[in-house]
Amino acid sequence: MSKRDKLIKRMHEAPHDIRFAELDALLRYEGCALFNQKRSHCTYHRWDGKLLTVVKPHGGRKACHPADIRKLLALLNR
């Protein structure tokens, strides 16, 4: 099982424990490019034209919001 598969499995099991760096690495591996960034909101553009906006955690938070993880899984159709 590859790192990518392990991360996707972890996203399904515990979406509240995913860090932004892991999410960013997966998006870039899937062919998404950082399209726009306004403060903590990062928008990624995929090759098929779909956009995904993710809020980068800040303050005392270390993990991404579970809703952002669910949007990513829906985008990847997993």
N, C-alpha and C. Protein backbone atom coordinates (compact mmCIF):
# COMPACT_ATOMS: atom_id res chain seq x y z
N MET A 1 0.85 -1.17 0.00
CA MET A 1 0.00 0.00 0.00
C MET A 1 0.89 1.24 0.00
N SER A 2 0.64 2.17 -0.88
CA SER A 2 1.46 3.37 -1.00
C SER A 2 1.10 4.41 0.06
N LYS A 3 1.93 5.43 0.18
CA LYS A 3 1.66 6.50 1.14
C LYS A 3 0.35 7.19 0.80
N ARG A 4 0.09 7.35 -0.49
CA ARG A 4 -1.13 8.00 -0.95
C ARG A 4 -2.36 7.22 -0.50
N ASP A 5 -2.32 5.90 -0.68
CA ASP A 5 -3.44 5.06 -0.28
C ASP A 5 -3.64 5.08 1.23
N LYS A 6 -2.54 5.07 1.98
CA LYS A 6 -2.63 5.13 3.43
C LYS A 6 -3.24 6.44 3.90
N LEU A 7 -2.86 7.54 3.24
CA LEU A 7 -3.40 8.85 3.62
C LEU A 7 -4.90 8.92 3.31
N ILE A 8 -5.31 8.42 2.17
CA ILE A 8 -6.73 8.44 1.81
C ILE A 8 -7.52 7.57 2.79
N LYS A 9 -6.97 6.43 3.18
CA LYS A 9 -7.64 5.59 4.17
C LYS A 9 -7.77 6.33 5.50
N ARG A 10 -6.70 7.03 5.90
CA ARG A 10 -6.75 7.80 7.14
C ARG A 10 -7.76 8.93 7.06
N MET A 11 -7.92 9.52 5.87
CA MET A 11 -8.90 10.59 5.69
C MET A 11 -10.32 10.08 5.91
N HIS A 12 -10.58 8.86 5.48
CA HIS A 12 -11.90 8.28 5.69
C HIS A 12 -12.13 7.95 7.16
N GLU A 13 -11.10 7.42 7.82
CA GLU A 13 -11.25 6.95 9.20
C GLU A 13 -11.22 8.09 10.23
N ALA A 14 -10.31 9.04 10.05
CA ALA A 14 -10.15 10.13 11.04
C ALA A 14 -9.91 11.45 10.31
N PRO A 15 -10.95 12.06 9.76
CA PRO A 15 -10.75 13.30 9.00
C PRO A 15 -10.31 14.49 9.84
N HIS A 16 -10.41 14.40 11.16
CA HIS A 16 -10.04 15.52 12.02
C HIS A 16 -8.55 15.51 12.38
N ASP A 17 -7.78 14.53 11.89
CA ASP A 17 -6.35 14.43 12.21
C ASP A 17 -5.44 14.67 11.01
N ILE A 18 -5.94 15.26 9.94
CA ILE A 18 -5.15 15.46 8.73
C ILE A 18 -4.55 16.87 8.75
N ARG A 19 -3.25 16.95 8.61
CA ARG A 19 -2.57 18.24 8.60
C ARG A 19 -2.59 18.83 7.19
N PHE A 20 -2.42 20.15 7.12
CA PHE A 20 -2.49 20.84 5.83
C PHE A 20 -1.38 20.39 4.89
N ALA A 21 -0.19 20.13 5.41
CA ALA A 21 0.93 19.70 4.56
C ALA A 21 0.61 18.37 3.86
N GLU A 22 -0.06 17.47 4.56
CA GLU A 22 -0.45 16.19 3.95
C GLU A 22 -1.50 16.41 2.87
N LEU A 23 -2.46 17.27 3.16
CA LEU A 23 -3.51 17.58 2.20
C LEU A 23 -2.92 18.24 0.95
N ASP A 24 -2.00 19.18 1.15
CA ASP A 24 -1.35 19.87 0.04
C ASP A 24 -0.55 18.90 -0.82
N ALA A 25 0.18 17.98 -0.19
CA ALA A 25 0.98 17.01 -0.94
C ALA A 25 0.08 16.09 -1.77
N LEU A 26 -1.05 15.67 -1.20
CA LEU A 26 -1.97 14.80 -1.94
C LEU A 26 -2.58 15.54 -3.12
N LEU A 27 -2.98 16.79 -2.92
CA LEU A 27 -3.56 17.57 -4.01
C LEU A 27 -2.57 17.76 -5.14
N ARG A 28 -1.34 18.06 -4.82
CA ARG A 28 -0.33 18.25 -5.85
C ARG A 28 -0.03 16.93 -6.58
N TYR A 29 -0.05 15.81 -5.86
CA TYR A 29 0.16 14.52 -6.48
C TYR A 29 -0.98 14.19 -7.45
N GLU A 30 -2.19 14.58 -7.10
CA GLU A 30 -3.36 14.32 -7.94
C GLU A 30 -3.46 15.26 -9.14
N GLY A 31 -2.53 16.19 -9.27
CA GLY A 31 -2.53 17.07 -10.43
C GLY A 31 -3.16 18.43 -10.20
N CYS A 32 -3.40 18.79 -8.97
CA CYS A 32 -3.97 20.09 -8.66
C CYS A 32 -2.85 21.10 -8.46
N ALA A 33 -3.13 22.33 -8.82
CA ALA A 33 -2.15 23.40 -8.64
C ALA A 33 -2.78 24.49 -7.79
N LEU A 34 -1.95 25.11 -6.95
CA LEU A 34 -2.43 26.22 -6.13
C LEU A 34 -2.75 27.36 -7.07
N PHE A 35 -4.03 27.73 -7.12
CA PHE A 35 -4.52 28.70 -8.07
C PHE A 35 -4.57 30.10 -7.48
N ASN A 36 -4.99 30.19 -6.23
CA ASN A 36 -5.17 31.48 -5.60
C ASN A 36 -5.08 31.30 -4.09
N GLN A 37 -4.54 32.29 -3.41
CA GLN A 37 -4.50 32.23 -1.96
C GLN A 37 -4.81 33.61 -1.40
N LYS A 38 -5.85 33.67 -0.60
CA LYS A 38 -6.24 34.91 0.09
C LYS A 38 -6.23 34.61 1.57
N ARG A 39 -5.25 35.12 2.24
CA ARG A 39 -5.05 34.87 3.67
C ARG A 39 -4.98 33.38 3.94
N SER A 40 -5.94 32.81 4.65
CA SER A 40 -5.87 31.39 4.99
C SER A 40 -6.63 30.50 4.00
N HIS A 41 -7.29 31.08 3.01
CA HIS A 41 -8.06 30.30 2.04
C HIS A 41 -7.19 30.00 0.82
N CYS A 42 -6.96 28.72 0.57
CA CYS A 42 -6.15 28.28 -0.57
C CYS A 42 -7.08 27.61 -1.58
N THR A 43 -7.05 28.07 -2.80
CA THR A 43 -7.87 27.50 -3.86
C THR A 43 -6.99 26.72 -4.82
N TYR A 44 -7.36 25.48 -5.04
CA TYR A 44 -6.62 24.59 -5.94
C TYR A 44 -7.45 24.38 -7.20
N HIS A 45 -6.76 24.32 -8.33
CA HIS A 45 -7.39 24.12 -9.62
C HIS A 45 -6.95 22.77 -10.15
N ARG A 46 -7.91 21.96 -10.58
CA ARG A 46 -7.59 20.65 -11.12
C ARG A 46 -7.62 20.68 -12.63
N TRP A 47 -6.98 19.73 -13.26
CA TRP A 47 -6.86 19.68 -14.71
C TRP A 47 -8.20 19.65 -15.43
N ASP A 48 -9.26 19.13 -14.79
CA ASP A 48 -10.57 19.06 -15.44
C ASP A 48 -11.43 20.30 -15.19
N GLY A 49 -10.85 21.32 -14.54
CA GLY A 49 -11.55 22.57 -14.33
C GLY A 49 -12.21 22.72 -12.98
N LYS A 50 -12.19 21.70 -12.15
CA LYS A 50 -12.82 21.79 -10.84
C LYS A 50 -11.94 22.56 -9.88
N LEU A 51 -12.58 23.32 -9.00
CA LEU A 51 -11.87 24.11 -7.99
C LEU A 51 -12.18 23.56 -6.61
N LEU A 52 -11.21 23.66 -5.73
CA LEU A 52 -11.37 23.23 -4.34
C LEU A 52 -10.74 24.29 -3.46
N THR A 53 -11.53 24.85 -2.55
CA THR A 53 -11.02 25.84 -1.61
C THR A 53 -10.89 25.18 -0.24
N VAL A 54 -9.70 25.30 0.32
CA VAL A 54 -9.38 24.70 1.61
C VAL A 54 -8.90 25.80 2.54
N VAL A 55 -9.35 25.76 3.78
CA VAL A 55 -8.90 26.74 4.77
C VAL A 55 -7.67 26.19 5.47
N LYS A 56 -6.59 26.95 5.40
CA LYS A 56 -5.35 26.55 6.06
C LYS A 56 -5.49 26.82 7.55
N PRO A 57 -5.23 25.81 8.39
CA PRO A 57 -5.40 26.02 9.83
C PRO A 57 -4.42 27.06 10.36
N HIS A 58 -4.88 27.85 11.31
CA HIS A 58 -4.02 28.87 11.90
C HIS A 58 -4.36 29.00 13.38
N GLY A 59 -3.55 29.74 14.08
CA GLY A 59 -3.74 29.86 15.52
C GLY A 59 -3.25 28.59 16.21
N GLY A 60 -4.03 28.07 17.11
CA GLY A 60 -3.65 26.87 17.84
C GLY A 60 -4.00 25.58 17.12
N ARG A 61 -4.73 25.68 16.02
CA ARG A 61 -5.14 24.48 15.29
C ARG A 61 -3.99 23.93 14.46
N LYS A 62 -3.88 22.63 14.40
CA LYS A 62 -2.85 21.98 13.59
C LYS A 62 -3.45 21.20 12.43
N ALA A 63 -4.71 20.80 12.55
CA ALA A 63 -5.34 19.95 11.54
C ALA A 63 -6.37 20.73 10.73
N CYS A 64 -6.63 20.25 9.53
CA CYS A 64 -7.63 20.86 8.67
C CYS A 64 -9.03 20.50 9.18
N HIS A 65 -10.00 21.28 8.76
CA HIS A 65 -11.38 21.05 9.15
C HIS A 65 -11.90 19.79 8.43
N PRO A 66 -12.64 18.94 9.13
CA PRO A 66 -13.17 17.72 8.50
C PRO A 66 -14.04 17.98 7.26
N ALA A 67 -14.71 19.11 7.20
CA ALA A 67 -15.53 19.43 6.02
C ALA A 67 -14.64 19.60 4.79
N ASP A 68 -13.46 20.18 4.96
CA ASP A 68 -12.53 20.33 3.85
C ASP A 68 -12.03 18.96 3.37
N ILE A 69 -11.83 18.05 4.30
CA ILE A 69 -11.39 16.70 3.95
C ILE A 69 -12.48 15.98 3.17
N ARG A 70 -13.73 16.14 3.60
CA ARG A 70 -14.85 15.52 2.88
C ARG A 70 -14.98 16.09 1.47
N LYS A 71 -14.75 17.41 1.31
CA LYS A 71 -14.80 18.00 -0.03
C LYS A 71 -13.70 17.42 -0.91
N LEU A 72 -12.52 17.21 -0.34
CA LEU A 72 -11.41 16.64 -1.10
C LEU A 72 -11.73 15.21 -1.52
N LEU A 73 -12.28 14.42 -0.63
CA LEU A 73 -12.63 13.04 -0.97
C LEU A 73 -13.71 13.00 -2.05
N ALA A 74 -14.65 13.92 -2.00
CA ALA A 74 -15.68 14.00 -3.04
C ALA A 74 -15.06 14.39 -4.37
N LEU A 75 -14.08 15.27 -4.34
CA LEU A 75 -13.41 15.69 -5.58
C LEU A 75 -12.64 14.52 -6.19
N LEU A 76 -12.05 13.70 -5.33
CA LEU A 76 -11.29 12.55 -5.81
C LEU A 76 -12.18 11.34 -6.10
N ASN A 77 -13.48 11.46 -5.77
CA ASN A 77 -14.46 10.38 -5.96
C ASN A 77 -14.06 9.12 -5.22
N ARG A 78 -13.72 9.24 -3.97
CA ARG A 78 -13.28 8.10 -3.15
C ARG A 78 -14.30 7.84 -2.09
